[in-house]
Amino acid sequence: MRHCEDDTMAMERLAIPPEFSTYAEEKGIFTLYEGMLEALLTARPECPLQFLSHYLSMDRARMTCVVVYGPPCSGQHSVSKLIARKLRAVHVVPERVLREDQSPAGTQARALAKEGKEVTPGLWAAIIHSRTQQTDCQDKGWVLEAFPRTRKQALALQSKGVIATHFVHLECPDAVLIERYGGKRIDPLTGDVYHLVFSPPTSTAVAGRLVEEEGGVTANVHAPLELYHCHSHSLLTAYFATHCKTFNADQPLGDLVSQVYHFLCTRKRSLAPHTPRVVLLGPSGSGKSVQAAKLAHKYNLINVDCEELVQQEMVSGSSLADKMKPFTDSNMMIPDDMVLSVVTRRLGCLDCMSRGWVLHGFPLTGNQAELLAEAGFRPNRVFFLNLCEESVKERLTQLRVDPISGERYHLLMKPPANHELLNRLETHPHDTEEQVSKRLEIHREFAQELEDVYQLGQHVNADQDPLTVFEVIESLMVNPLPILRPVLDE
């Protein structure tokens, strides 16, 4: 018993400033060091300090480097072009780069191509590396279309330091690809690829000069398709450690591009130490307490219930309790600064700082959310448990309490076993229709404020089985938050 008291006192004394871990996580310190080390080992510069100074001056967090790969006629060109436009990145087409590259590697590669010989992986890697090192690619990122095509080319690129942050793999049945080729057309001036049905040109001038691709279906579909099937599996293994995803290309182009863009806005899971700081928001009866208990149990988090903390404070006999008593006696909302003091004192304890926490019952307003952030406690996951008012009333007004055992029942979902028990059940004063309506009115008044403060908060449909709700919350919690990117108007 004495040991438990000592632990409790030590926990109260060891209050850790929350700014330390919050700063490291918000600024991505671990990821920054990881990226710097990776860049150094990849580039192997003569002057590491000068290289790191330039590296730190660039917005690496928002720079995306993408490889789009797939069989012929799967839409590699269209997807690459549209994605590059959305990301404001540079669209890198290997054949175009080969024509424009004036380095010795480019000259040698063009000579080999002119003789009908295969350009070696090393030459391709040197040419692509030279292009991706130019200022526009370094500032904006790049989207590499239909390259590499073999595992040797991929390894040559990686050894040169051309590292993709995302790998997009397009997949489509062979029969569909062969059928698509019939409508494929080329702009001889720009080299852009169009399709008479799926992606026709918007300009009549461009439409008038389109021509069919030289070589026919055998040279442009059958042979590349055979090459694709021969090398695709081994190539994908070269990008195993990259953020990679396969997409079904047999769908409308707009849908495909939307799915790819959503993927590019996701981050790869980081190995950085992560302390969960979770806030559950929603109306009364949405299941915040149930989900908080499940998260705390599975992930060893501290379950911080604001209502329970206030009740503990009220019976402690502290000076703060004396100040709060007039408000609780009058059934009024306790001032924000008093509730904040109770909550932040608990969140600053050693167990919360080391294991993480899940907070519910606070904040209830936008002002409380801002005060919590100013105190240094910024959640890294916020979940809005959405439940319509009719369902809230059905859940809460049907609750009953056994005055003898204290057991709680629900007339629909957890009815009493017999009529004798049913007859002695009572309604808790907080669960009357009048009190439920008041709490709903307060939630309705401040719901938008909370959404404005927590713009990255994720919405969960709470009108379903608690286990299903937990699975949704868990899937959102373990995956990185999406990257907010500016998008150019189409």
Protein backbone atom coordinates (compact mmCIF):
# COMPACT_ATOMS: atom_id res chain seq x y z
CA MET A 1 0.00 0.00 0.00
CA ARG A 2 2.82 2.33 0.95
CA HIS A 3 4.55 1.56 -2.36
CA CYS A 4 1.43 2.58 -4.35
CA GLU A 5 1.21 5.88 -2.42
CA ASP A 6 4.86 6.60 -3.12
CA ASP A 7 4.32 5.92 -6.83
CA THR A 8 1.33 8.26 -6.89
CA MET A 9 3.25 11.06 -5.14
CA ALA A 10 6.22 10.59 -7.46
CA MET A 11 3.92 10.70 -10.47
CA GLU A 12 2.43 13.98 -9.25
CA ARG A 13 5.88 15.50 -8.63
CA LEU A 14 7.36 14.43 -11.95
CA ALA A 15 5.37 16.74 -14.18
CA ILE A 16 7.20 16.98 -17.52
CA PRO A 17 6.83 20.07 -19.72
CA PRO A 18 4.79 18.93 -22.74
CA GLU A 19 6.67 21.24 -25.10
CA PHE A 20 9.60 18.81 -25.43
CA SER A 21 7.87 15.90 -27.13
CA THR A 22 5.36 18.13 -28.92
CA TYR A 23 8.11 20.22 -30.50
CA ALA A 24 10.08 17.15 -31.62
CA GLU A 25 7.00 15.58 -33.19
CA GLU A 26 5.56 18.71 -34.82
CA LYS A 27 8.90 19.70 -36.34
CA GLY A 28 9.68 16.12 -37.39
CA ILE A 29 13.10 16.14 -35.70
CA PHE A 30 13.57 12.37 -35.93
CA THR A 31 12.43 12.28 -39.56
CA LEU A 32 14.68 15.26 -40.32
CA TYR A 33 17.75 13.45 -39.00
CA GLU A 34 16.72 10.31 -40.86
CA GLY A 35 16.34 12.26 -44.12
CA MET A 36 19.66 14.07 -43.67
CA LEU A 37 21.53 10.82 -43.12
CA GLU A 38 19.85 9.18 -46.12
CA ALA A 39 20.64 12.18 -48.35
CA LEU A 40 24.28 12.24 -47.22
CA LEU A 41 24.83 8.55 -47.89
CA THR A 42 23.06 8.77 -51.25
CA ALA A 43 24.78 11.90 -52.58
CA ARG A 44 28.17 11.38 -50.88
CA PRO A 45 29.13 15.06 -51.30
CA GLU A 46 32.68 16.36 -51.03
CA CYS A 47 31.58 18.94 -48.46
CA PRO A 48 28.90 17.45 -46.16
CA LEU A 49 28.28 20.69 -44.25
CA GLN A 50 27.62 22.71 -47.39
CA PHE A 51 25.40 19.93 -48.71
CA LEU A 52 23.39 19.78 -45.47
CA SER A 53 23.00 23.55 -45.44
CA HIS A 54 21.46 23.38 -48.91
CA TYR A 55 19.39 20.35 -47.92
CA LEU A 56 17.89 22.14 -44.91
CA SER A 57 17.00 25.18 -47.01
CA MET A 58 14.67 23.08 -49.18
CA ASP A 59 11.07 22.13 -48.37
CA ARG A 60 11.73 18.40 -48.37
CA ALA A 61 8.57 17.62 -46.41
CA ARG A 62 6.34 18.67 -49.31
CA MET A 63 8.61 17.57 -52.16
CA THR A 64 7.30 14.41 -53.76
CA CYS A 65 9.32 12.22 -56.12
CA VAL A 66 7.12 9.75 -57.98
CA VAL A 67 7.70 6.86 -60.35
CA VAL A 68 4.67 5.89 -62.49
CA TYR A 69 5.05 2.39 -63.91
CA GLY A 70 2.77 0.04 -65.79
CA PRO A 71 2.21 -1.90 -69.02
CA PRO A 72 1.79 -0.11 -72.39
CA CYS A 73 -1.54 1.73 -72.87
CA SER A 74 -2.25 1.64 -69.12
CA GLY A 75 -2.30 5.44 -68.97
CA GLN A 76 1.22 6.07 -67.70
CA HIS A 77 1.58 9.27 -69.72
CA SER A 78 -1.84 10.72 -68.86
CA VAL A 79 -1.56 9.88 -65.18
CA SER A 80 1.99 11.26 -64.94
CA LYS A 81 1.04 14.47 -66.73
CA LEU A 82 -2.05 15.15 -64.60
CA ILE A 83 -0.39 14.20 -61.33
CA ALA A 84 2.60 16.44 -62.07
CA ARG A 85 0.17 19.30 -62.70
CA LYS A 86 -1.68 18.66 -59.43
CA LEU A 87 1.54 18.44 -57.42
CA ARG A 88 3.15 21.35 -59.28
CA ALA A 89 6.03 18.97 -59.89
CA VAL A 90 8.22 18.45 -62.98
CA HIS A 91 6.99 15.84 -65.47
CA VAL A 92 10.08 13.84 -66.49
CA VAL A 93 9.72 11.83 -69.72
CA PRO A 94 12.85 9.69 -70.34
CA GLU A 95 12.72 9.88 -74.15
CA ARG A 96 12.42 13.67 -74.02
CA VAL A 97 15.27 13.91 -71.53
CA LEU A 98 17.41 11.73 -73.80
CA ARG A 99 16.83 14.06 -76.76
CA GLU A 100 17.68 17.19 -74.75
CA ASP A 101 20.59 15.95 -72.64
CA GLN A 102 23.89 17.39 -73.89
CA SER A 103 26.22 15.60 -71.50
CA PRO A 104 28.70 12.93 -72.67
CA ALA A 105 26.32 10.27 -71.29
CA GLY A 106 23.47 11.73 -73.35
CA THR A 107 25.56 11.83 -76.51
CA GLN A 108 26.69 8.24 -76.03
CA ALA A 109 23.12 7.07 -75.32
CA ARG A 110 21.75 8.77 -78.45
CA ALA A 111 24.46 7.17 -80.53
CA LEU A 112 23.52 3.72 -79.22
CA ALA A 113 19.82 4.37 -79.87
CA LYS A 114 20.56 5.57 -83.40
CA GLU A 115 22.43 2.31 -84.11
CA GLY A 116 19.43 0.35 -82.82
CA LYS A 117 21.29 -0.82 -79.74
CA GLU A 118 19.97 -0.86 -76.20
CA VAL A 119 20.93 2.05 -73.94
CA THR A 120 22.67 0.60 -70.88
CA PRO A 121 21.12 1.04 -67.39
CA GLY A 122 24.16 3.05 -66.30
CA LEU A 123 23.72 5.60 -69.11
CA TRP A 124 19.97 5.91 -68.45
CA ALA A 125 20.69 6.42 -64.74
CA ALA A 126 23.25 9.15 -65.48
CA ILE A 127 20.83 10.99 -67.79
CA ILE A 128 17.86 10.79 -65.41
CA HIS A 129 20.05 11.73 -62.45
CA SER A 130 21.31 14.80 -64.30
CA ARG A 131 17.71 15.89 -65.00
CA THR A 132 16.46 15.36 -61.45
CA GLN A 133 19.38 17.37 -60.08
CA GLN A 134 18.32 20.49 -61.95
CA THR A 135 16.85 23.36 -59.95
CA ASP A 136 13.22 22.87 -60.94
CA CYS A 137 13.21 19.21 -59.89
CA GLN A 138 15.04 19.98 -56.66
CA ASP A 139 12.58 22.74 -55.75
CA LYS A 140 9.30 21.16 -56.87
CA GLY A 141 9.88 17.41 -56.98
CA TRP A 142 9.37 15.23 -60.04
CA VAL A 143 7.11 12.62 -61.63
CA LEU A 144 9.08 10.09 -63.68
CA GLU A 145 6.99 8.48 -66.41
CA ALA A 146 7.35 4.82 -67.43
CA PHE A 147 10.86 4.41 -66.09
CA PRO A 148 12.63 2.31 -64.91
CA ARG A 149 11.40 -0.70 -66.88
CA THR A 150 13.76 -3.36 -65.49
CA ARG A 151 15.27 -4.15 -62.11
CA LYS A 152 18.79 -3.33 -63.38
CA GLN A 153 17.62 0.13 -64.43
CA ALA A 154 15.96 0.62 -61.02
CA LEU A 155 19.10 -0.36 -59.13
CA ALA A 156 21.23 1.87 -61.37
CA LEU A 157 18.92 4.82 -60.62
CA GLN A 158 19.03 4.17 -56.90
CA SER A 159 22.80 3.86 -56.88
CA LYS A 160 22.96 7.27 -58.56
CA GLY A 161 20.77 8.75 -55.83
CA VAL A 162 17.50 9.00 -57.77
CA ILE A 163 15.23 7.91 -54.91
CA ALA A 164 11.45 7.93 -55.28
CA THR A 165 9.21 8.79 -52.32
CA HIS A 166 6.23 7.06 -53.99
CA PHE A 167 5.93 4.28 -56.55
CA VAL A 168 2.67 4.10 -58.54
CA HIS A 169 2.04 0.76 -60.25
CA LEU A 170 -0.74 0.69 -62.86
CA GLU A 171 -2.29 -2.70 -63.62
CA CYS A 172 -4.76 -3.65 -66.37
CA PRO A 173 -5.86 -6.85 -68.21
CA ASP A 174 -3.96 -7.51 -71.45
CA ALA A 175 -7.15 -7.64 -73.54
CA VAL A 176 -8.14 -4.15 -72.40
CA LEU A 177 -4.66 -2.79 -73.18
CA ILE A 178 -4.71 -4.18 -76.73
CA GLU A 179 -8.19 -2.77 -77.30
CA ARG A 180 -7.13 0.64 -76.03
CA TYR A 181 -4.27 0.87 -78.51
CA GLY A 182 -6.70 1.24 -81.40
CA GLY A 183 -7.58 4.79 -80.30
CA LYS A 184 -4.07 5.92 -79.33
CA ARG A 185 -2.71 8.96 -81.20
CA ILE A 186 0.51 10.99 -81.00
CA ASP A 187 1.06 14.74 -81.39
CA PRO A 188 4.15 14.89 -83.67
CA LEU A 189 5.06 18.38 -82.45
CA THR A 190 5.02 17.86 -78.68
CA GLY A 191 5.11 14.07 -78.38
CA ASP A 192 2.00 14.14 -76.16
CA VAL A 193 -0.17 11.05 -76.17
CA TYR A 194 -3.95 11.17 -76.64
CA HIS A 195 -6.79 8.71 -77.01
CA LEU A 196 -9.72 9.35 -79.31
CA VAL A 197 -12.20 8.08 -76.69
CA PHE A 198 -10.64 8.33 -73.23
CA SER A 199 -8.49 11.48 -73.46
CA PRO A 200 -9.15 13.37 -76.71
CA PRO A 201 -7.43 16.72 -77.31
CA THR A 202 -9.39 19.85 -76.42
CA SER A 203 -7.91 21.87 -79.30
CA THR A 204 -9.10 21.32 -82.88
CA ALA A 205 -5.63 22.32 -84.10
CA VAL A 206 -4.04 19.52 -82.06
CA ALA A 207 -6.74 17.06 -83.14
CA GLY A 208 -6.00 17.84 -86.80
CA ARG A 209 -2.33 16.95 -86.58
CA LEU A 210 -2.56 13.75 -84.51
CA VAL A 211 -1.05 10.65 -86.10
CA GLU A 212 -0.98 6.95 -85.30
CA GLU A 213 2.10 5.58 -83.60
CA GLU A 214 4.67 4.04 -85.94
CA GLY A 215 5.25 0.31 -85.70
CA GLY A 216 1.69 -0.87 -85.15
CA VAL A 217 0.26 -3.05 -82.41
CA THR A 218 3.03 -5.67 -82.55
CA ALA A 219 5.90 -3.26 -81.93
CA ASN A 220 4.07 -0.91 -79.56
CA VAL A 221 1.88 -3.26 -77.50
CA HIS A 222 2.76 -6.94 -77.85
CA ALA A 223 6.54 -6.59 -77.49
CA PRO A 224 6.45 -4.04 -74.61
CA LEU A 225 3.72 -6.07 -72.91
CA GLU A 226 5.88 -9.18 -73.04
CA LEU A 227 8.80 -7.17 -71.66
CA TYR A 228 6.54 -5.82 -68.88
CA HIS A 229 5.44 -9.30 -67.79
CA CYS A 230 9.03 -10.47 -67.88
CA HIS A 231 10.41 -7.71 -65.63
CA SER A 232 7.50 -6.34 -63.55
CA HIS A 233 7.83 -8.70 -60.59
CA SER A 234 11.58 -8.26 -60.16
CA LEU A 235 11.27 -4.50 -60.69
CA LEU A 236 8.67 -4.17 -57.92
CA THR A 237 11.03 -5.90 -55.49
CA ALA A 238 13.54 -3.08 -56.08
CA TYR A 239 10.95 -0.63 -54.69
CA PHE A 240 9.84 -2.82 -51.80
CA ALA A 241 11.03 -0.26 -49.23
CA THR A 242 9.40 2.62 -51.12
CA HIS A 243 5.86 3.84 -50.48
CA CYS A 244 4.36 1.65 -53.22
CA LYS A 245 0.79 0.94 -54.30
CA THR A 246 -0.90 -0.84 -57.21
CA PHE A 247 -3.93 0.74 -58.97
CA ASN A 248 -6.48 -0.72 -61.34
CA ALA A 249 -6.03 1.24 -64.57
CA ASP A 250 -9.24 -0.17 -66.09
CA GLN A 251 -11.42 2.73 -64.90
CA PRO A 252 -12.17 6.33 -65.93
CA LEU A 253 -9.04 8.49 -66.00
CA GLY A 254 -10.47 11.04 -63.56
CA ASP A 255 -11.17 8.36 -60.96
CA LEU A 256 -7.73 6.83 -61.41
CA VAL A 257 -5.95 10.17 -61.04
CA SER A 258 -8.02 10.98 -57.94
CA GLN A 259 -7.00 7.70 -56.30
CA VAL A 260 -3.34 8.16 -57.19
CA TYR A 261 -3.35 11.75 -55.89
CA HIS A 262 -4.90 10.63 -52.60
CA PHE A 263 -2.13 8.04 -52.28
CA LEU A 264 0.54 10.68 -52.94
CA CYS A 265 -0.91 12.79 -50.13
CA THR A 266 -0.23 10.03 -47.62
CA ARG A 267 3.00 9.73 -45.73
CA LYS A 268 5.07 6.61 -45.34
CA ARG A 269 5.01 5.28 -41.81
CA SER A 270 7.87 6.75 -39.83
CA LEU A 271 10.15 4.92 -37.41
CA ALA A 272 10.15 8.00 -35.20
CA PRO A 273 9.16 7.51 -31.55
CA HIS A 274 5.46 8.25 -31.28
CA THR A 275 3.51 9.07 -28.14
CA PRO A 276 -0.23 9.03 -28.89
CA ARG A 277 -2.11 12.12 -27.75
CA VAL A 278 -5.74 11.47 -28.66
CA VAL A 279 -8.82 13.63 -28.19
CA LEU A 280 -12.30 12.16 -28.66
CA LEU A 281 -15.06 14.66 -29.45
CA GLY A 282 -18.76 14.22 -30.05
CA PRO A 283 -22.18 14.62 -28.45
CA SER A 284 -23.19 12.85 -25.25
CA GLY A 285 -23.99 9.22 -25.96
CA SER A 286 -21.70 8.96 -28.99
CA GLY A 287 -19.50 6.41 -27.20
CA LYS A 288 -16.46 8.50 -26.24
CA SER A 289 -15.99 6.73 -22.90
CA VAL A 290 -16.31 3.28 -24.48
CA GLN A 291 -13.80 4.04 -27.25
CA ALA A 292 -11.40 5.73 -24.82
CA ALA A 293 -11.41 2.62 -22.63
CA LYS A 294 -10.74 0.37 -25.64
CA LEU A 295 -7.84 2.56 -26.88
CA ALA A 296 -6.35 2.78 -23.38
CA HIS A 297 -6.53 -0.99 -22.92
CA LYS A 298 -5.04 -1.94 -26.30
CA TYR A 299 -2.31 0.71 -26.55
CA ASN A 300 -1.54 1.14 -22.84
CA LEU A 301 -2.62 4.78 -22.90
CA ILE A 302 -3.83 6.79 -19.93
CA ASN A 303 -7.60 7.21 -20.04
CA VAL A 304 -8.20 10.85 -19.06
CA ASP A 305 -11.89 11.47 -18.34
CA CYS A 306 -12.45 15.18 -17.68
CA GLU A 307 -15.69 14.60 -15.76
CA GLU A 308 -14.00 12.07 -13.50
CA LEU A 309 -11.07 14.44 -12.89
CA VAL A 310 -13.44 17.23 -11.86
CA GLN A 311 -15.28 14.91 -9.48
CA GLN A 312 -11.98 13.84 -7.92
CA GLU A 313 -10.97 17.46 -7.53
CA MET A 314 -14.29 18.33 -5.88
CA VAL A 315 -13.83 15.73 -3.12
CA SER A 316 -10.16 16.60 -2.59
CA GLY A 317 -10.98 19.67 -0.50
CA SER A 318 -8.46 21.83 -2.39
CA SER A 319 -8.75 25.58 -2.82
CA LEU A 320 -9.59 24.99 -6.49
CA ALA A 321 -12.46 22.73 -5.41
CA ASP A 322 -13.82 25.54 -3.22
CA LYS A 323 -13.78 27.87 -6.23
CA MET A 324 -15.54 25.30 -8.43
CA LYS A 325 -18.23 24.36 -5.89
CA PRO A 326 -20.59 27.35 -6.48
CA PHE A 327 -20.73 26.51 -10.19
CA THR A 328 -21.44 22.81 -9.69
CA ASP A 329 -24.07 23.56 -7.05
CA SER A 330 -25.83 25.91 -9.48
CA ASN A 331 -25.54 23.39 -12.33
CA MET A 332 -23.50 25.91 -14.35
CA MET A 333 -20.48 25.35 -16.60
CA ILE A 334 -17.23 25.59 -14.65
CA PRO A 335 -14.97 28.41 -15.97
CA ASP A 336 -12.50 27.27 -18.62
CA ASP A 337 -9.38 28.19 -16.67
CA MET A 338 -10.40 26.03 -13.69
CA VAL A 339 -11.18 22.97 -15.80
CA LEU A 340 -7.99 23.53 -17.81
CA SER A 341 -5.95 23.56 -14.61
CA VAL A 342 -7.37 20.16 -13.58
CA VAL A 343 -6.86 18.61 -17.03
CA THR A 344 -3.35 19.91 -17.73
CA ARG A 345 -2.15 18.86 -14.28
CA ARG A 346 -3.07 15.27 -15.16
CA LEU A 347 -1.76 15.38 -18.72
CA GLY A 348 1.60 16.66 -17.48
CA CYS A 349 2.19 13.65 -15.22
CA LEU A 350 4.98 11.23 -16.01
CA ASP A 351 2.71 8.35 -17.07
CA CYS A 352 0.81 10.51 -19.57
CA MET A 353 4.00 11.96 -21.02
CA SER A 354 5.70 8.57 -21.40
CA ARG A 355 2.77 6.33 -22.41
CA GLY A 356 0.45 8.81 -24.12
CA TRP A 357 -3.15 9.69 -23.33
CA VAL A 358 -6.70 9.65 -24.66
CA LEU A 359 -8.77 12.61 -23.48
CA HIS A 360 -12.57 12.87 -23.57
CA GLY A 361 -15.05 15.30 -22.04
CA PHE A 362 -12.69 18.19 -22.80
CA PRO A 363 -12.44 20.42 -24.76
CA LEU A 364 -16.11 21.26 -25.29
CA THR A 365 -15.62 24.64 -26.97
CA GLY A 366 -13.23 26.23 -29.43
CA ASN A 367 -11.85 28.46 -26.69
CA GLN A 368 -11.06 25.46 -24.50
CA ALA A 369 -9.29 23.78 -27.42
CA GLU A 370 -7.15 26.86 -27.98
CA LEU A 371 -6.34 27.13 -24.26
CA LEU A 372 -5.29 23.48 -24.24
CA ALA A 373 -2.94 24.12 -27.18
CA GLU A 374 -1.51 27.25 -25.51
CA ALA A 375 -0.77 25.16 -22.43
CA GLY A 376 1.42 22.95 -24.66
CA PHE A 377 -0.92 19.97 -24.98
CA ARG A 378 -1.57 19.52 -28.69
CA PRO A 379 -3.22 16.24 -29.70
CA ASN A 380 -1.75 14.38 -32.65
CA ARG A 381 -5.06 12.60 -33.34
CA VAL A 382 -8.55 14.09 -33.02
CA PHE A 383 -11.65 12.02 -33.73
CA PHE A 384 -15.15 13.44 -34.11
CA LEU A 385 -17.67 10.73 -33.22
CA ASN A 386 -20.67 11.70 -35.31
CA LEU A 387 -24.13 10.70 -34.12
CA CYS A 388 -27.48 12.29 -35.03
CA GLU A 389 -29.55 13.85 -32.23
CA GLU A 390 -32.37 11.31 -32.59
CA SER A 391 -29.93 8.47 -31.94
CA VAL A 392 -28.41 10.33 -28.98
CA LYS A 393 -31.81 10.73 -27.36
CA GLU A 394 -32.67 7.10 -28.03
CA ARG A 395 -29.42 5.97 -26.43
CA LEU A 396 -29.54 8.19 -23.34
CA THR A 397 -33.22 8.54 -22.45
CA GLN A 398 -33.60 4.75 -22.45
CA LEU A 399 -30.85 4.32 -19.84
CA ARG A 400 -31.88 3.12 -16.39
CA VAL A 401 -30.05 2.47 -13.08
CA ASP A 402 -30.70 -0.19 -10.47
CA PRO A 403 -30.69 1.74 -7.14
CA ILE A 404 -29.72 -1.42 -5.24
CA SER A 405 -26.80 -2.76 -7.30
CA GLY A 406 -25.87 0.36 -9.24
CA GLU A 407 -25.99 -1.67 -12.48
CA ARG A 408 -26.89 0.31 -15.60
CA TYR A 409 -29.39 -1.00 -18.16
CA HIS A 410 -30.79 0.10 -21.50
CA LEU A 411 -34.42 -0.67 -22.21
CA LEU A 412 -33.67 -1.63 -25.82
CA MET A 413 -30.05 -2.80 -26.02
CA LYS A 414 -29.54 -4.19 -22.49
CA PRO A 415 -32.99 -4.79 -20.94
CA PRO A 416 -33.40 -6.12 -17.36
CA ALA A 417 -33.85 -9.86 -16.91
CA ASN A 418 -37.26 -9.76 -15.20
CA HIS A 419 -40.24 -7.51 -14.38
CA GLU A 420 -39.25 -7.17 -10.73
CA LEU A 421 -35.92 -5.65 -11.73
CA LEU A 422 -37.61 -3.52 -14.39
CA ASN A 423 -40.05 -2.03 -11.88
CA ARG A 424 -37.33 -0.82 -9.52
CA LEU A 425 -35.13 0.77 -12.18
CA GLU A 426 -34.75 4.55 -12.04
CA THR A 427 -33.70 7.22 -14.52
CA HIS A 428 -30.51 9.07 -13.65
CA PRO A 429 -31.10 12.86 -13.40
CA HIS A 430 -28.53 13.43 -16.16
CA ASP A 431 -30.40 11.10 -18.54
CA THR A 432 -33.77 12.84 -18.52
CA GLU A 433 -34.95 14.12 -21.87
CA GLU A 434 -34.65 17.72 -20.65
CA GLN A 435 -31.01 17.30 -19.56
CA VAL A 436 -30.09 15.41 -22.73
CA SER A 437 -31.60 18.20 -24.85
CA LYS A 438 -29.58 20.81 -22.94
CA ARG A 439 -26.32 18.93 -23.53
CA LEU A 440 -27.17 18.54 -27.21
CA GLU A 441 -27.82 22.26 -27.48
CA ILE A 442 -24.41 23.03 -25.99
CA HIS A 443 -22.73 20.58 -28.35
CA ARG A 444 -24.57 22.03 -31.35
CA GLU A 445 -23.49 25.56 -30.39
CA PHE A 446 -19.77 24.79 -30.22
CA ALA A 447 -19.36 21.90 -32.69
CA GLN A 448 -18.27 24.11 -35.60
CA GLU A 449 -15.76 25.95 -33.40
CA LEU A 450 -14.06 22.68 -32.53
CA GLU A 451 -13.93 21.63 -36.20
CA ASP A 452 -12.33 24.98 -37.06
CA VAL A 453 -9.64 24.50 -34.41
CA TYR A 454 -8.99 20.84 -35.25
CA GLN A 455 -9.00 21.01 -39.05
CA LEU A 456 -7.10 17.72 -39.32
CA GLY A 457 -9.64 15.99 -37.10
CA GLN A 458 -11.09 12.81 -38.59
CA HIS A 459 -14.81 12.05 -38.59
CA VAL A 460 -16.12 8.64 -37.58
CA ASN A 461 -19.69 7.38 -37.89
CA ALA A 462 -20.58 6.45 -34.30
CA ASP A 463 -24.01 5.07 -35.20
CA GLN A 464 -22.79 1.48 -35.47
CA ASP A 465 -21.49 -1.35 -33.33
CA PRO A 466 -18.80 -0.18 -30.81
CA LEU A 467 -16.31 -2.75 -32.12
CA THR A 468 -16.78 -1.47 -35.68
CA VAL A 469 -16.29 2.12 -34.49
CA PHE A 470 -13.12 1.06 -32.68
CA GLU A 471 -11.74 -0.65 -35.79
CA VAL A 472 -12.28 2.55 -37.79
CA ILE A 473 -10.62 4.71 -35.11
CA GLU A 474 -7.72 2.27 -34.85
CA SER A 475 -7.12 2.25 -38.62
CA LEU A 476 -7.07 6.07 -38.67
CA MET A 477 -4.86 6.23 -35.61
CA VAL A 478 -2.05 3.95 -36.81
CA ASN A 479 -1.73 5.55 -40.26
CA PRO A 480 0.02 8.89 -40.81
CA LEU A 481 -2.13 11.94 -41.36
CA PRO A 482 -2.49 13.05 -45.00
CA ILE A 483 -0.33 15.89 -46.33
CA LEU A 484 -2.25 19.08 -47.09
CA ARG A 485 -1.16 20.23 -50.56
CA PRO A 486 -2.15 23.24 -52.61
CA VAL A 487 -3.92 22.05 -55.76
CA LEU A 488 -3.95 23.90 -59.05
CA ASP A 489 -7.36 24.54 -60.59
CA GLU A 490 -8.07 22.21 -63.46
